[in-house]
């Protein structure tokens, strides 16, 4: 007969420390991409993530409103260009989120 036990407290702590904002694959992908590069334009993120303007804009706005992203609006050849970079807060939150996921996965093995 298999042994029954309560869920380990540590696993519950990792679940509680997962960042709700970064649970969505697009928002997580945005932060991971920006953690490896200085900045990306809206157009380049759209190409890389294969998202529509509206979908990508919504995800970027949520991250920006939470302070995870900084945006700089410029012009190139008279066209507006929005450049996104990961803020210090965004970098910290991404690190914590990935650490929590890693610990959770390790405990599941």
Protein backbone atom coordinates (compact mmCIF):
# COMPACT_ATOMS: atom_id res chain seq x y z
CA UNK A 1 0.00 0.00 0.00
CA UNK A 2 1.46 3.42 -0.94
CA UNK A 3 2.35 5.73 1.90
CA UNK A 4 0.16 8.76 2.36
CA UNK A 5 1.60 12.06 3.49
CA UNK A 6 0.90 15.72 3.60
CA UNK A 7 2.31 17.88 0.78
CA UNK A 8 5.77 19.12 1.74
CA UNK A 9 5.62 22.65 3.13
CA UNK A 10 8.58 23.67 0.96
CA UNK A 11 6.67 22.87 -2.24
CA UNK A 12 3.78 25.02 -1.10
CA UNK A 13 6.20 27.88 -0.40
CA UNK A 14 7.57 27.67 -3.95
CA UNK A 15 4.05 27.73 -5.35
CA UNK A 16 3.23 30.80 -3.28
CA UNK A 17 6.36 32.60 -4.46
CA UNK A 18 5.65 32.14 -8.18
CA UNK A 19 4.94 35.55 -9.70
CA UNK A 20 1.34 35.67 -11.00
CA UNK A 21 2.28 38.29 -13.59
CA UNK A 22 4.96 36.02 -15.08
CA UNK A 23 2.78 32.91 -15.25
CA UNK A 24 1.61 33.83 -18.75
CA UNK A 25 3.98 32.50 -21.41
CA UNK A 26 4.10 35.75 -23.40
CA UNK A 27 4.94 37.93 -20.39
CA UNK A 28 7.55 35.41 -19.23
CA UNK A 29 9.04 35.28 -22.74
CA UNK A 30 9.20 39.09 -22.93
CA UNK A 31 11.10 39.26 -19.64
CA UNK A 32 13.46 36.42 -20.54
CA UNK A 33 14.27 38.01 -23.91
CA UNK A 34 14.86 41.40 -22.33
CA UNK A 35 17.04 39.88 -19.61
CA UNK A 36 19.47 38.81 -22.33
CA UNK A 37 19.39 41.99 -24.44
CA UNK A 38 19.48 45.70 -23.68
CA UNK A 39 16.22 46.56 -25.42
CA UNK A 40 13.79 45.47 -28.10
CA UNK A 41 11.39 47.50 -30.18
CA UNK A 42 7.70 46.67 -30.19
CA UNK A 43 8.03 45.51 -33.79
CA UNK A 44 10.90 43.14 -33.01
CA UNK A 45 9.11 41.65 -30.00
CA UNK A 46 6.04 41.16 -32.18
CA UNK A 47 8.14 39.29 -34.76
CA UNK A 48 9.91 37.13 -32.19
CA UNK A 49 6.81 36.21 -30.20
CA UNK A 50 4.41 36.02 -33.17
CA UNK A 51 1.74 37.99 -31.32
CA UNK A 52 -0.80 40.43 -32.66
CA UNK A 53 -0.43 44.15 -31.94
CA UNK A 54 -3.30 44.09 -29.46
CA UNK A 55 -2.16 41.00 -27.58
CA UNK A 56 1.46 42.12 -27.31
CA UNK A 57 0.43 45.64 -26.35
CA UNK A 58 -1.74 44.31 -23.53
CA UNK A 59 1.07 42.15 -22.12
CA UNK A 60 3.62 44.95 -22.39
CA UNK A 61 1.27 47.38 -20.66
CA UNK A 62 0.73 44.97 -17.74
CA UNK A 63 4.48 44.56 -17.28
CA UNK A 64 5.05 48.30 -17.62
CA UNK A 65 2.27 49.15 -15.13
CA UNK A 66 3.83 46.74 -12.62
CA UNK A 67 7.22 48.43 -13.03
CA UNK A 68 8.87 45.42 -14.68
CA UNK A 69 9.57 47.27 -17.94
CA UNK A 70 10.79 50.70 -18.90
CA UNK A 71 9.70 52.11 -22.24
CA UNK A 72 11.32 54.79 -24.34
CA UNK A 73 9.36 56.29 -27.20
CA UNK A 74 11.45 57.67 -30.06
CA UNK A 75 11.15 58.35 -33.78
CA UNK A 76 12.98 56.69 -36.64
CA UNK A 77 12.45 58.12 -40.11
CA UNK A 78 9.46 60.08 -38.76
CA UNK A 79 7.81 56.95 -37.41
CA UNK A 80 7.20 56.34 -33.71
CA UNK A 81 9.18 53.46 -32.18
CA UNK A 82 8.71 52.12 -28.66
CA UNK A 83 11.79 50.53 -27.07
CA UNK A 84 11.34 48.21 -24.09
CA UNK A 85 13.92 47.19 -21.52
CA UNK A 86 13.74 45.20 -18.32
CA UNK A 87 13.83 47.40 -15.22
CA UNK A 88 15.79 46.54 -12.08
CA UNK A 89 12.51 45.48 -10.44
CA UNK A 90 11.65 43.31 -13.45
CA UNK A 91 15.07 41.68 -13.36
CA UNK A 92 14.69 40.90 -9.62
CA UNK A 93 11.17 39.52 -10.05
CA UNK A 94 12.19 37.38 -13.02
CA UNK A 95 15.10 35.95 -11.02
CA UNK A 96 12.84 35.12 -8.08
CA UNK A 97 10.22 33.59 -10.35
CA UNK A 98 12.74 31.38 -12.17
CA UNK A 99 14.34 30.34 -8.88
CA UNK A 100 10.93 29.33 -7.49
CA UNK A 101 10.12 27.34 -10.62
CA UNK A 102 13.50 25.61 -10.49
CA UNK A 103 13.05 24.63 -6.83
CA UNK A 104 9.53 23.41 -7.51
CA UNK A 105 10.74 21.25 -10.42
CA UNK A 106 13.62 19.85 -8.36
CA UNK A 107 11.23 18.88 -5.56
CA UNK A 108 9.03 17.10 -8.09
CA UNK A 109 11.80 14.78 -9.20
